[in-house]
Protein backbone atom coordinates (compact mmCIF):
# COMPACT_ATOMS: atom_id res chain seq x y z
CA MET A 1 65.67 -7.72 -22.89
CA ARG A 2 67.72 -10.31 -21.48
CA HIS A 3 69.55 -11.39 -24.36
CA HIS A 4 69.94 -7.84 -26.08
CA GLY A 5 69.80 -5.65 -22.87
CA GLY A 6 72.01 -7.70 -20.66
CA LEU A 7 69.62 -7.99 -17.81
CA THR A 8 69.11 -10.64 -15.39
CA ARG A 9 66.03 -12.86 -15.63
CA SER A 10 64.74 -10.63 -12.34
CA GLN A 11 65.99 -7.73 -13.71
CA ALA A 12 64.11 -8.43 -17.26
CA ARG A 13 60.64 -9.11 -15.26
CA ALA A 14 60.91 -6.25 -13.23
CA ALA A 15 61.33 -3.69 -16.17
CA ALA A 16 58.51 -5.63 -18.06
CA LEU A 17 55.84 -5.26 -14.90
CA GLU A 18 57.13 -1.56 -15.04
CA ARG A 19 56.18 -0.82 -19.13
CA TYR A 20 53.29 -3.56 -18.61
CA PRO A 21 51.50 -4.50 -15.05
CA TYR A 22 49.49 -7.56 -15.02
CA GLU A 23 46.23 -6.84 -15.77
CA PRO A 24 43.51 -9.36 -14.95
CA ASP A 25 41.55 -11.01 -18.10
CA ASP A 26 38.82 -9.20 -17.57
CA ALA A 27 40.33 -5.65 -16.94
CA PRO A 28 38.16 -3.42 -18.71
CA PHE A 29 40.64 -2.23 -21.91
CA ARG A 30 43.12 -4.88 -21.00
CA GLY A 31 46.49 -4.65 -23.25
CA LEU A 32 45.16 -1.46 -24.84
CA VAL A 33 48.73 -0.03 -23.60
CA PHE A 34 50.10 -1.80 -26.31
CA HIS A 35 49.65 -1.39 -30.18
CA ASP A 36 53.00 -2.84 -30.66
CA GLU A 37 54.39 -6.09 -29.53
CA ALA A 38 56.83 -6.09 -26.86
CA TRP A 39 59.63 -6.25 -28.77
CA HIS A 40 59.46 -3.23 -30.11
CA TRP A 41 59.21 -1.38 -26.51
CA ALA A 42 61.84 -3.45 -25.62
CA MET A 43 64.25 -2.29 -27.95
CA SER A 44 63.21 1.19 -27.57
CA VAL A 45 64.36 0.87 -23.76
CA ILE A 46 67.51 -0.99 -24.51
CA HIS A 47 68.46 0.93 -27.72
CA GLY A 48 66.52 3.96 -27.95
CA ASP A 49 63.41 5.13 -29.95
CA ARG A 50 65.83 5.29 -33.39
CA TYR A 51 66.77 1.72 -32.84
CA MET A 52 64.87 1.10 -36.05
CA VAL A 53 67.04 3.55 -37.84
CA GLU A 54 69.93 3.02 -36.58
CA LEU A 55 70.01 -0.78 -35.83
CA PRO A 56 67.71 -2.09 -38.85
CA GLY A 57 68.17 -5.80 -38.17
CA LEU A 58 66.25 -5.56 -35.09
CA ALA A 59 63.60 -3.69 -36.58
CA GLN A 60 61.60 -7.43 -36.46
CA PRO A 61 61.64 -9.78 -33.68
CA SER A 62 64.39 -12.55 -34.35
CA ALA A 63 64.10 -16.19 -34.61
CA GLU A 64 64.66 -17.07 -31.00
CA TYR A 65 61.80 -14.64 -29.90
CA ARG A 66 59.38 -15.68 -32.30
CA ALA A 67 60.14 -19.07 -31.20
CA LEU A 68 59.24 -18.11 -27.74
CA GLU A 69 55.63 -16.84 -28.42
């Protein structure tokens, strides 16, 4: 969100928490919101749902993103 979307650190954090609020480790069905990784939803928010067709270079997470995992 910061690199590709030009958001500040606080804006990126707010966008992520809005889309995927914190869930405690013992919360039932924790993480059920995403079947795709955060990269996918971030690219969808920034570039639209057709980003994989229109920007195929973004279909997979970048090396910089993978280095953060």
